[in-house]
C-alpha cells in the first residue's frame, strides 16, 4: 500500500512552526464548536416547529414525541463530539507546554 495522496489544497499548505500548528489545531476546535452550535440551533428550531404544528393540530402527540426522541439522539451525538473536542483541547494545551519547555 502506498502513501495517501492528499488533495491539492493540503499539498500547498505553508510550512508552519510548532506554535502556529498548535494554534491552527485550536482554531479547528473553534470551527467544530461553531458547527455544533448550528446543529443545536437547528434542533431547537425543529422542536419549535413541531410544537407549533402540534398546537395547530397538525401533529399527534406521538409525532411530537418522535421529534423529541430524534432531537434527543442528535444532542447525544453533539455531547459525544464535545467530549472529544475537550480531549483535543487538553492535548493541544499539553503540547504547548512541551513546546515552551524546548
PDB file of N, CA and C in Angstrom:
ATOM      1  N   UNK A   1       0.850  -1.169   0.000  1.00  0.00           N
ATOM      2  CA  UNK A   1       0.000   0.000   0.000  1.00  0.00           C
ATOM      3  C   UNK A   1       0.898   1.235   0.000  1.00  0.00           C
ATOM      4  N   UNK A   2       0.572   2.206  -0.837  1.00  0.00           N
ATOM      5  CA  UNK A   2       1.380   3.416  -0.947  1.00  0.00           C
ATOM      6  C   UNK A   2       0.952   4.483   0.050  1.00  0.00           C
ATOM      7  N   UNK A   3       1.628   5.594  -0.025  1.00  0.00           N
ATOM      8  CA  UNK A   3       1.305   6.739   0.821  1.00  0.00           C
ATOM      9  C   UNK A   3      -0.025   7.335   0.383  1.00  0.00           C
ATOM     10  N   UNK A   4      -0.785   7.921   1.327  1.00  0.00           N
ATOM     11  CA  UNK A   4      -2.034   8.567   0.925  1.00  0.00           C
ATOM     12  C   UNK A   4      -1.737   9.785   0.056  1.00  0.00           C
ATOM     13  N   UNK A   5      -2.624  10.036  -0.870  1.00  0.00           N
ATOM     14  CA  UNK A   5      -2.474  11.183  -1.751  1.00  0.00           C
ATOM     15  C   UNK A   5      -3.512  12.220  -1.365  1.00  0.00           C
ATOM     16  N   UNK A   6      -3.062  13.309  -0.752  1.00  0.00           N
ATOM     17  CA  UNK A   6      -3.971  14.357  -0.312  1.00  0.00           C
ATOM     18  C   UNK A   6      -4.313  15.274  -1.476  1.00  0.00           C
ATOM     19  N   UNK A   7      -5.511  15.882  -1.425  1.00  0.00           N
ATOM     20  CA  UNK A   7      -5.883  16.832  -2.482  1.00  0.00           C
ATOM     21  C   UNK A   7      -4.942  18.039  -2.494  1.00  0.00           C
ATOM     22  N   UNK A   8      -4.947  18.773  -3.591  1.00  0.00           N
ATOM     23  CA  UNK A   8      -4.053  19.908  -3.770  1.00  0.00           C
ATOM     24  C   UNK A   8      -4.084  20.947  -2.650  1.00  0.00           C
ATOM     25  N   UNK A   9      -5.241  21.303  -2.073  1.00  0.00           N
ATOM     26  CA  UNK A   9      -5.190  22.317  -1.015  1.00  0.00           C
ATOM     27  C   UNK A   9      -4.257  21.923   0.133  1.00  0.00           C
ATOM     28  N   UNK A  10      -4.146  20.634   0.425  1.00  0.00           N
ATOM     29  CA  UNK A  10      -3.267  20.187   1.504  1.00  0.00           C
ATOM     30  C   UNK A  10      -1.807  20.193   1.061  1.00  0.00           C
ATOM     31  N   UNK A  11      -1.585  19.887  -0.208  1.00  0.00           N
ATOM     32  CA  UNK A  11      -0.214  19.868  -0.715  1.00  0.00           C
ATOM     33  C   UNK A  11       0.387  21.269  -0.749  1.00  0.00           C
ATOM     34  N   UNK A  12      -0.455  22.292  -0.838  1.00  0.00           N
ATOM     35  CA  UNK A  12       0.027  23.660  -0.942  1.00  0.00           C
ATOM     36  C   UNK A  12       0.074  24.409   0.377  1.00  0.00           C
ATOM     37  N   UNK A  13      -0.107  23.721   1.502  1.00  0.00           N
ATOM     38  CA  UNK A  13      -0.077  24.409   2.793  1.00  0.00           C
ATOM     39  C   UNK A  13       1.327  24.920   3.089  1.00  0.00           C
ATOM     40  N   UNK A  14       1.403  26.096   3.718  1.00  0.00           N
ATOM     41  CA  UNK A  14       2.722  26.630   4.064  1.00  0.00           C
ATOM     42  C   UNK A  14       3.345  25.830   5.206  1.00  0.00           C
ATOM     43  N   UNK A  15       4.657  25.940   5.320  1.00  0.00           N
ATOM     44  CA  UNK A  15       5.342  25.314   6.451  1.00  0.00           C
ATOM     45  C   UNK A  15       5.030  26.126   7.701  1.00  0.00           C
ATOM     46  N   UNK A  16       4.527  25.465   8.710  1.00  0.00           N
ATOM     47  CA  UNK A  16       4.176  26.136   9.957  1.00  0.00           C
ATOM     48  C   UNK A  16       5.117  25.677  11.057  1.00  0.00           C
ATOM     49  N   UNK A  17       5.456  26.602  11.957  1.00  0.00           N
ATOM     50  CA  UNK A  17       6.260  26.171  13.098  1.00  0.00           C
ATOM     51  C   UNK A  17       5.342  25.511  14.121  1.00  0.00           C
ATOM     52  N   UNK A  18       5.919  25.023  15.203  1.00  0.00           N
ATOM     53  CA  UNK A  18       5.137  24.251  16.178  1.00  0.00           C
ATOM     54  C   UNK A  18       4.024  25.087  16.797  1.00  0.00           C
ATOM     55  N   UNK A  19       4.313  26.324  17.172  1.00  0.00           N
ATOM     56  CA  UNK A  19       3.283  27.169  17.783  1.00  0.00           C
ATOM     57  C   UNK A  19       2.151  27.471  16.811  1.00  0.00           C
ATOM     58  N   UNK A  20       2.494  27.766  15.566  1.00  0.00           N
ATOM     59  CA  UNK A  20       1.463  28.033  14.558  1.00  0.00           C
ATOM     60  C   UNK A  20       0.595  26.802  14.334  1.00  0.00           C
ATOM     61  N   UNK A  21       1.205  25.638  14.339  1.00  0.00           N
ATOM     62  CA  UNK A  21       0.457  24.398  14.159  1.00  0.00           C
ATOM     63  C   UNK A  21      -0.512  24.171  15.311  1.00  0.00           C
ATOM     64  N   UNK A  22      -0.052  24.418  16.539  1.00  0.00           N
ATOM     65  CA  UNK A  22      -0.924  24.241  17.699  1.00  0.00           C
ATOM     66  C   UNK A  22      -2.070  25.249  17.684  1.00  0.00           C
ATOM     67  N   UNK A  23      -1.780  26.484  17.295  1.00  0.00           N
ATOM     68  CA  UNK A  23      -2.849  27.480  17.174  1.00  0.00           C
ATOM     69  C   UNK A  23      -3.837  27.085  16.083  1.00  0.00           C
ATOM     70  N   UNK A  24      -3.338  26.508  15.001  1.00  0.00           N
ATOM     71  CA  UNK A  24      -4.204  26.019  13.937  1.00  0.00           C
ATOM     72  C   UNK A  24      -5.133  24.922  14.462  1.00  0.00           C
ATOM     73  N   UNK A  25      -4.576  24.023  15.293  1.00  0.00           N
ATOM     74  CA  UNK A  25      -5.400  22.956  15.876  1.00  0.00           C
ATOM     75  C   UNK A  25      -6.486  23.542  16.773  1.00  0.00           C
ATOM     76  N   UNK A  26      -6.142  24.566  17.555  1.00  0.00           N
ATOM     77  CA  UNK A  26      -7.157  25.210  18.395  1.00  0.00           C
ATOM     78  C   UNK A  26      -8.223  25.887  17.534  1.00  0.00           C
ATOM     79  N   UNK A  27      -7.805  26.462  16.421  1.00  0.00           N
ATOM     80  CA  UNK A  27      -8.771  27.096  15.519  1.00  0.00           C
ATOM     81  C   UNK A  27      -9.731  26.058  14.946  1.00  0.00           C
ATOM     82  N   UNK A  28      -9.235  24.854  14.677  1.00  0.00           N
ATOM     83  CA  UNK A  28     -10.127  23.811  14.161  1.00  0.00           C
ATOM     84  C   UNK A  28     -11.159  23.419  15.207  1.00  0.00           C
ATOM     85  N   UNK A  29     -10.768  23.459  16.484  1.00  0.00           N
ATOM     86  CA  UNK A  29     -11.738  23.191  17.551  1.00  0.00           C
ATOM     87  C   UNK A  29     -12.830  24.255  17.520  1.00  0.00           C
ATOM     88  N   UNK A  30     -12.423  25.505  17.357  1.00  0.00           N
ATOM     89  CA  UNK A  30     -13.408  26.585  17.273  1.00  0.00           C
ATOM     90  C   UNK A  30     -14.369  26.407  16.116  1.00  0.00           C
ATOM     91  N   UNK A  31     -13.851  25.976  14.985  1.00  0.00           N
ATOM     92  CA  UNK A  31     -14.713  25.743  13.822  1.00  0.00           C
ATOM     93  C   UNK A  31     -15.700  24.605  14.084  1.00  0.00           C
ATOM     94  N   UNK A  32     -15.230  23.567  14.727  1.00  0.00           N
ATOM     95  CA  UNK A  32     -16.117  22.439  15.039  1.00  0.00           C
ATOM     96  C   UNK A  32     -17.174  22.861  16.068  1.00  0.00           C
ATOM     97  N   UNK A  33     -16.778  23.689  17.026  1.00  0.00           N
ATOM     98  CA  UNK A  33     -17.738  24.189  18.017  1.00  0.00           C
ATOM     99  C   UNK A  33     -18.826  25.017  17.334  1.00  0.00           C
ATOM    100  N   UNK A  34     -18.415  25.831  16.364  1.00  0.00           N
ATOM    101  CA  UNK A  34     -19.390  26.639  15.630  1.00  0.00           C
ATOM    102  C   UNK A  34     -20.365  25.743  14.863  1.00  0.00           C
ATOM    103  N   UNK A  35     -19.849  24.697  14.255  1.00  0.00           N
ATOM    104  CA  UNK A  35     -20.718  23.756  13.534  1.00  0.00           C
ATOM    105  C   UNK A  35     -21.713  23.096  14.488  1.00  0.00           C
ATOM    106  N   UNK A  36     -21.234  22.710  15.678  1.00  0.00           N
ATOM    107  CA  UNK A  36     -22.127  22.094  16.662  1.00  0.00           C
ATOM    108  C   UNK A  36     -23.187  23.085  17.140  1.00  0.00           C
ATOM    109  N   UNK A  37     -22.803  24.349  17.272  1.00  0.00           N
ATOM    110  CA  UNK A  37     -23.781  25.378  17.666  1.00  0.00           C
ATOM    111  C   UNK A  37     -24.879  25.500  16.619  1.00  0.00           C
ATOM    112  N   UNK A  38     -24.501  25.417  15.340  1.00  0.00           N
ATOM    113  CA  UNK A  38     -25.507  25.468  14.274  1.00  0.00           C
ATOM    114  C   UNK A  38     -26.431  24.256  14.328  1.00  0.00           C
ATOM    115  N   UNK A  39     -25.867  23.104  14.621  1.00  0.00           N
ATOM    116  CA  UNK A  39     -26.690  21.895  14.738  1.00  0.00           C
ATOM    117  C   UNK A  39     -27.670  22.033  15.896  1.00  0.00           C
ATOM    118  N   UNK A  40     -27.194  22.501  17.044  1.00  0.00           N
ATOM    119  CA  UNK A  40     -28.086  22.664  18.200  1.00  0.00           C
ATOM    120  C   UNK A  40     -29.170  23.689  17.919  1.00  0.00           C
ATOM    121  N   UNK A  41     -28.826  24.763  17.223  1.00  0.00           N
ATOM    122  CA  UNK A  41     -29.823  25.765  16.859  1.00  0.00           C
ATOM    123  C   UNK A  41     -30.887  25.164  15.946  1.00  0.00           C
ATOM    124  N   UNK A  42     -30.460  24.379  14.980  1.00  0.00           N
ATOM    125  CA  UNK A  42     -31.410  23.736  14.067  1.00  0.00           C
ATOM    126  C   UNK A  42     -32.335  22.783  14.813  1.00  0.00           C
ATOM    127  N   UNK A  43     -31.783  22.084  15.801  1.00  0.00           N
ATOM    128  CA  UNK A  43     -32.614  21.163  16.586  1.00  0.00           C
ATOM    129  C   UNK A  43     -33.644  21.939  17.417  1.00  0.00           C
ATOM    130  N   UNK A  44     -33.235  23.077  17.943  1.00  0.00           N
ATOM    131  CA  UNK A  44     -34.187  23.922  18.676  1.00  0.00           C
ATOM    132  C   UNK A  44     -35.306  24.419  17.774  1.00  0.00           C
ATOM    133  N   UNK A  45     -34.948  24.818  16.562  1.00  0.00           N
ATOM    134  CA  UNK A  45     -35.962  25.260  15.606  1.00  0.00           C
ATOM    135  C   UNK A  45     -36.884  24.110  15.209  1.00  0.00           C
ATOM    136  N   UNK A  46     -36.317  22.900  15.137  1.00  0.00           N
ATOM    137  CA  UNK A  46     -37.138  21.725  14.819  1.00  0.00           C
ATOM    138  C   UNK A  46     -38.202  21.517  15.901  1.00  0.00           C
ATOM    139  N   UNK A  47     -37.794  21.652  17.155  1.00  0.00           N
ATOM    140  CA  UNK A  47     -38.746  21.480  18.260  1.00  0.00           C
ATOM    141  C   UNK A  47     -39.800  22.581  18.218  1.00  0.00           C
ATOM    142  N   UNK A  48     -39.367  23.824  17.986  1.00  0.00           N
ATOM    143  CA  UNK A  48     -40.327  24.932  17.917  1.00  0.00           C
ATOM    144  C   UNK A  48     -41.355  24.693  16.820  1.00  0.00           C
ATOM    145  N   UNK A  49     -40.896  24.232  15.662  1.00  0.00           N
ATOM    146  CA  UNK A  49     -41.814  23.963  14.553  1.00  0.00           C
ATOM    147  C   UNK A  49     -42.769  22.822  14.892  1.00  0.00           C
ATOM    148  N   UNK A  50     -42.252  21.805  15.551  1.00  0.00           N
ATOM    149  CA  UNK A  50     -43.100  20.662  15.915  1.00  0.00           C
ATOM    150  C   UNK A  50     -44.150  21.073  16.942  1.00  0.00           C
ATOM    151  N   UNK A  51     -43.761  21.863  17.913  1.00  0.00           N
ATOM    152  CA  UNK A  51     -44.731  22.325  18.922  1.00  0.00           C
ATOM    153  C   UNK A  51     -45.801  23.193  18.271  1.00  0.00           C
ATOM    154  N   UNK A  52     -45.392  24.084  17.357  1.00  0.00           N
ATOM    155  CA  UNK A  52     -46.373  24.922  16.656  1.00  0.00           C
ATOM    156  C   UNK A  52     -47.327  24.056  15.838  1.00  0.00           C
ATOM    157  N   UNK A  53     -46.805  23.046  15.165  1.00  0.00           N
ATOM    158  CA  UNK A  53     -47.666  22.151  14.385  1.00  0.00           C
ATOM    159  C   UNK A  53     -48.593  21.366  15.288  1.00  0.00           C
ATOM    160  N   UNK A  54     -48.093  20.967  16.461  1.00  0.00           N
ATOM    161  CA  UNK A  54     -48.934  20.250  17.421  1.00  0.00           C
ATOM    162  C   UNK A  54     -50.068  21.141  17.916  1.00  0.00           C
ATOM    163  N   UNK A  55     -49.734  22.412  18.207  1.00  0.00           N
ATOM    164  CA  UNK A  55     -50.761  23.349  18.683  1.00  0.00           C
ATOM    165  C   UNK A  55     -51.816  23.636  17.624  1.00  0.00           C
ATOM    166  N   UNK A  56     -51.406  23.532  16.339  1.00  0.00           N
ATOM    167  CA  UNK A  56     -52.352  23.738  15.237  1.00  0.00           C
ATOM    168  C   UNK A  56     -53.049  22.442  14.836  1.00  0.00           C
ATOM    169  N   UNK A  57     -52.898  21.417  15.642  1.00  0.00           N
ATOM    170  CA  UNK A  57     -53.494  20.106  15.390  1.00  0.00           C
ATOM    171  C   UNK A  57     -53.020  19.462  14.084  1.00  0.00           C
ATOM    172  N   UNK A  58     -51.780  19.765  13.704  1.00  0.00           N
ATOM    173  CA  UNK A  58     -51.195  19.148  12.511  1.00  0.00           C
ATOM    174  C   UNK A  58     -50.346  17.928  12.871  1.00  0.00           C
ATOM    175  N   UNK A  59     -49.985  17.801  14.132  1.00  0.00           N
ATOM    176  CA  UNK A  59     -49.198  16.669  14.608  1.00  0.00           C
ATOM    177  C   UNK A  59     -49.916  16.011  15.781  1.00  0.00           C
ATOM    178  N   UNK A  60     -49.761  14.713  15.878  1.00  0.00           N
ATOM    179  CA  UNK A  60     -50.282  14.000  17.039  1.00  0.00           C
ATOM    180  C   UNK A  60     -49.237  14.048  18.147  1.00  0.00           C
ATOM    181  N   UNK A  61     -49.640  13.664  19.329  1.00  0.00           N
ATOM    182  CA  UNK A  61     -48.700  13.609  20.443  1.00  0.00           C
ATOM    183  C   UNK A  61     -47.587  12.603  20.158  1.00  0.00           C
ATOM    184  N   UNK A  62     -47.932  11.525  19.464  1.00  0.00           N
ATOM    185  CA  UNK A  62     -46.923  10.529  19.093  1.00  0.00           C
ATOM    186  C   UNK A  62     -45.883  11.127  18.148  1.00  0.00           C
ATOM    187  N   UNK A  63     -46.355  11.942  17.198  1.00  0.00           N
ATOM    188  CA  UNK A  63     -45.437  12.614  16.282  1.00  0.00           C
ATOM    189  C   UNK A  63     -44.524  13.577  17.034  1.00  0.00           C
ATOM    190  N   UNK A  64     -45.109  14.313  17.971  1.00  0.00           N
ATOM    191  CA  UNK A  64     -44.337  15.265  18.760  1.00  0.00           C
ATOM    192  C   UNK A  64     -43.284  14.545  19.598  1.00  0.00           C
ATOM    193  N   UNK A  65     -43.644  13.433  20.180  1.00  0.00           N
ATOM    194  CA  UNK A  65     -42.689  12.648  20.959  1.00  0.00           C
ATOM    195  C   UNK A  65     -41.599  12.047  20.080  1.00  0.00           C
ATOM    196  N   UNK A  66     -41.957  11.685  18.852  1.00  0.00           N
ATOM    197  CA  UNK A  66     -40.953  11.153  17.916  1.00  0.00           C
ATOM    198  C   UNK A  66     -39.935  12.238  17.560  1.00  0.00           C
ATOM    199  N   UNK A  67     -40.406  13.458  17.359  1.00  0.00           N
ATOM    200  CA  UNK A  67     -39.487  14.575  17.099  1.00  0.00           C
ATOM    201  C   UNK A  67     -38.584  14.778  18.294  1.00  0.00           C
ATOM    202  N   UNK A  68     -39.161  14.733  19.476  1.00  0.00           N
ATOM    203  CA  UNK A  68     -38.382  14.904  20.697  1.00  0.00           C
ATOM    204  C   UNK A  68     -37.303  13.818  20.815  1.00  0.00           C
ATOM    205  N   UNK A  69     -37.667  12.592  20.528  1.00  0.00           N
ATOM    206  CA  UNK A  69     -36.684  11.494  20.580  1.00  0.00           C
ATOM    207  C   UNK A  69     -35.562  11.699  19.573  1.00  0.00           C
ATOM    208  N   UNK A  70     -35.929  12.161  18.383  1.00  0.00           N
ATOM    209  CA  UNK A  70     -34.927  12.413  17.353  1.00  0.00           C
ATOM    210  C   UNK A  70     -33.962  13.518  17.784  1.00  0.00           C
ATOM    211  N   UNK A  71     -34.484  14.589  18.344  1.00  0.00           N
ATOM    212  CA  UNK A  71     -33.640  15.687  18.820  1.00  0.00           C
ATOM    213  C   UNK A  71     -32.753  15.195  19.963  1.00  0.00           C
ATOM    214  N   UNK A  72     -33.320  14.392  20.839  1.00  0.00           N
ATOM    215  CA  UNK A  72     -32.558  13.836  21.952  1.00  0.00           C
ATOM    216  C   UNK A  72     -31.361  13.026  21.453  1.00  0.00           C
ATOM    217  N   UNK A  73     -31.568  12.185  20.446  1.00  0.00           N
ATOM    218  CA  UNK A  73     -30.476  11.385  19.889  1.00  0.00           C
ATOM    219  C   UNK A  73     -29.415  12.275  19.243  1.00  0.00           C
ATOM    220  N   UNK A  74     -29.848  13.282  18.526  1.00  0.00           N
ATOM    221  CA  UNK A  74     -28.893  14.202  17.898  1.00  0.00           C
ATOM    222  C   UNK A  74     -28.060  14.910  18.954  1.00  0.00           C
ATOM    223  N   UNK A  75     -28.695  15.375  20.023  1.00  0.00           N
ATOM    224  CA  UNK A  75     -27.959  16.068  21.074  1.00  0.00           C
ATOM    225  C   UNK A  75     -27.004  15.131  21.814  1.00  0.00           C
ATOM    226  N   UNK A  76     -27.341  13.858  21.907  1.00  0.00           N
ATOM    227  CA  UNK A  76     -26.393  12.897  22.488  1.00  0.00           C
ATOM    228  C   UNK A  76     -25.122  12.834  21.652  1.00  0.00           C
ATOM    229  N   UNK A  77     -25.282  12.864  20.332  1.00  0.00           N
ATOM    230  CA  UNK A  77     -24.116  12.846  19.447  1.00  0.00           C
ATOM    231  C   UNK A  77     -23.313  14.139  19.579  1.00  0.00           C
ATOM    232  N   UNK A  78     -24.001  15.250  19.749  1.00  0.00           N
ATOM    233  CA  UNK A  78     -23.315  16.528  19.945  1.00  0.00           C
ATOM    234  C   UNK A  78     -22.495  16.489  21.234  1.00  0.00           C
ATOM    235  N   UNK A  79     -23.066  15.940  22.289  1.00  0.00           N
ATOM    236  CA  UNK A  79     -22.349  15.840  23.565  1.00  0.00           C
ATOM    237  C   UNK A  79     -21.108  14.968  23.414  1.00  0.00           C
ATOM    238  N   UNK A  80     -21.233  13.861  22.700  1.00  0.00           N
ATOM    239  CA  UNK A  80     -20.065  12.996  22.469  1.00  0.00           C
ATOM    240  C   UNK A  80     -18.974  13.752  21.726  1.00  0.00           C
ATOM    241  N   UNK A  81     -19.372  14.523  20.726  1.00  0.00           N
ATOM    242  CA  UNK A  81     -18.397  15.303  19.962  1.00  0.00           C
ATOM    243  C   UNK A  81     -17.751  16.359  20.859  1.00  0.00           C
ATOM    244  N   UNK A  82     -18.530  16.980  21.736  1.00  0.00           N
ATOM    245  CA  UNK A  82     -17.996  17.969  22.671  1.00  0.00           C
ATOM    246  C   UNK A  82     -16.925  17.347  23.563  1.00  0.00           C
ATOM    247  N   UNK A  83     -17.162  16.127  24.002  1.00  0.00           N
ATOM    248  CA  UNK A  83     -16.182  15.448  24.848  1.00  0.00           C
ATOM    249  C   UNK A  83     -14.885  15.208  24.069  1.00  0.00           C
ATOM    250  N   UNK A  84     -14.998  14.792  22.818  1.00  0.00           N
ATOM    251  CA  UNK A  84     -13.812  14.580  22.003  1.00  0.00           C
ATOM    252  C   UNK A  84     -13.053  15.888  21.772  1.00  0.00           C
ATOM    253  N   UNK A  85     -13.788  16.965  21.580  1.00  0.00           N
ATOM    254  CA  UNK A  85     -13.144  18.263  21.400  1.00  0.00           C
ATOM    255  C   UNK A  85     -12.427  18.701  22.672  1.00  0.00           C
ATOM    256  N   UNK A  86     -13.011  18.391  23.819  1.00  0.00           N
ATOM    257  CA  UNK A  86     -12.344  18.710  25.081  1.00  0.00           C
ATOM    258  C   UNK A  86     -11.014  17.972  25.195  1.00  0.00           C
ATOM    259  N   UNK A  87     -11.000  16.705  24.812  1.00  0.00           N
ATOM    260  CA  UNK A  87      -9.750  15.938  24.814  1.00  0.00           C
ATOM    261  C   UNK A  87      -8.733  16.575  23.864  1.00  0.00           C
ATOM    262  N   UNK A  88      -9.206  17.012  22.703  1.00  0.00           N
ATOM    263  CA  UNK A  88      -8.317  17.633  21.722  1.00  0.00           C
ATOM    264  C   UNK A  88      -7.702  18.909  22.297  1.00  0.00           C
ATOM    265  N   UNK A  89      -8.516  19.729  22.944  1.00  0.00           N
ATOM    266  CA  UNK A  89      -8.005  20.969  23.547  1.00  0.00           C
ATOM    267  C   UNK A  89      -6.988  20.650  24.635  1.00  0.00           C
ATOM    268  N   UNK A  90      -7.291  19.673  25.466  1.00  0.00           N
ATOM    269  CA  UNK A  90      -6.358  19.289  26.528  1.00  0.00           C
ATOM    270  C   UNK A  90      -5.028  18.816  25.946  1.00  0.00           C
ATOM    271  N   UNK A  91      -5.084  18.050  24.856  1.00  0.00           N
ATOM    272  CA  UNK A  91      -3.850  17.587  24.199  1.00  0.00           C
ATOM    273  C   UNK A  91      -3.055  18.752  23.630  1.00  0.00           C
ATOM    274  N   UNK A  92      -3.740  19.706  23.036  1.00  0.00           N
ATOM    275  CA  UNK A  92      -3.041  20.864  22.476  1.00  0.00           C
ATOM    276  C   UNK A  92      -2.389  21.669  23.590  1.00  0.00           C
ATOM    277  N   UNK A  93      -3.079  21.845  24.704  1.00  0.00           N
ATOM    278  CA  UNK A  93      -2.504  22.581  25.838  1.00  0.00           C
ATOM    279  C   UNK A  93      -1.253  21.876  26.345  1.00  0.00           C
ATOM    280  N   UNK A  94      -1.316  20.561  26.451  1.00  0.00           N
ATOM    281  CA  UNK A  94      -0.129  19.800  26.871  1.00  0.00           C
ATOM    282  C   UNK A  94       1.022  19.989  25.885  1.00  0.00           C
ATOM    283  N   UNK A  95       0.702  19.997  24.596  1.00  0.00           N
ATOM    284  CA  UNK A  95       1.745  20.180  23.588  1.00  0.00           C
ATOM    285  C   UNK A  95       2.337  21.586  23.646  1.00  0.00           C
ATOM    286  N   UNK A  96       1.504  22.596  23.937  1.00  0.00           N
ATOM    287  CA  UNK A  96       2.027  23.946  24.121  1.00  0.00           C
ATOM    288  C   UNK A  96       3.070  23.981  25.235  1.00  0.00           C
ATOM    289  N   UNK A  97       2.779  23.270  26.322  1.00  0.00           N
ATOM    290  CA  UNK A  97       3.707  23.229  27.455  1.00  0.00           C
ATOM    291  C   UNK A  97       4.998  22.535  27.061  1.00  0.00           C
ATOM    292  N   UNK A  98       4.912  21.485  26.263  1.00  0.00           N
ATOM    293  CA  UNK A  98       6.113  20.781  25.808  1.00  0.00           C
ATOM    294  C   UNK A  98       6.935  21.687  24.898  1.00  0.00           C
ATOM    295  N   UNK A  99       6.281  22.401  24.003  1.00  0.00           N
ATOM    296  CA  UNK A  99       6.984  23.280  23.066  1.00  0.00           C
ATOM    297  C   UNK A  99       7.671  24.421  23.824  1.00  0.00           C
ATOM    298  N   UNK A 100       7.001  24.950  24.850  1.00  0.00           N
ATOM    299  CA  UNK A 100       7.596  26.032  25.638  1.00  0.00           C
ATOM    300  C   UNK A 100       8.835  25.566  26.392  1.00  0.00           C
ATOM    301  N   UNK A 101       8.848  24.302  26.802  1.00  0.00           N
ATOM    302  CA  UNK A 101       9.992  23.754  27.551  1.00  0.00           C
ATOM    303  C   UNK A 101      11.203  23.523  26.641  1.00  0.00           C
ATOM    304  N   UNK A 102      10.977  23.420  25.328  1.00  0.00           N
ATOM    305  CA  UNK A 102      12.086  23.137  24.403  1.00  0.00           C
ATOM    306  C   UNK A 102      12.918  24.364  24.131  1.00  0.00           C
TER     307      UNK A 102
END
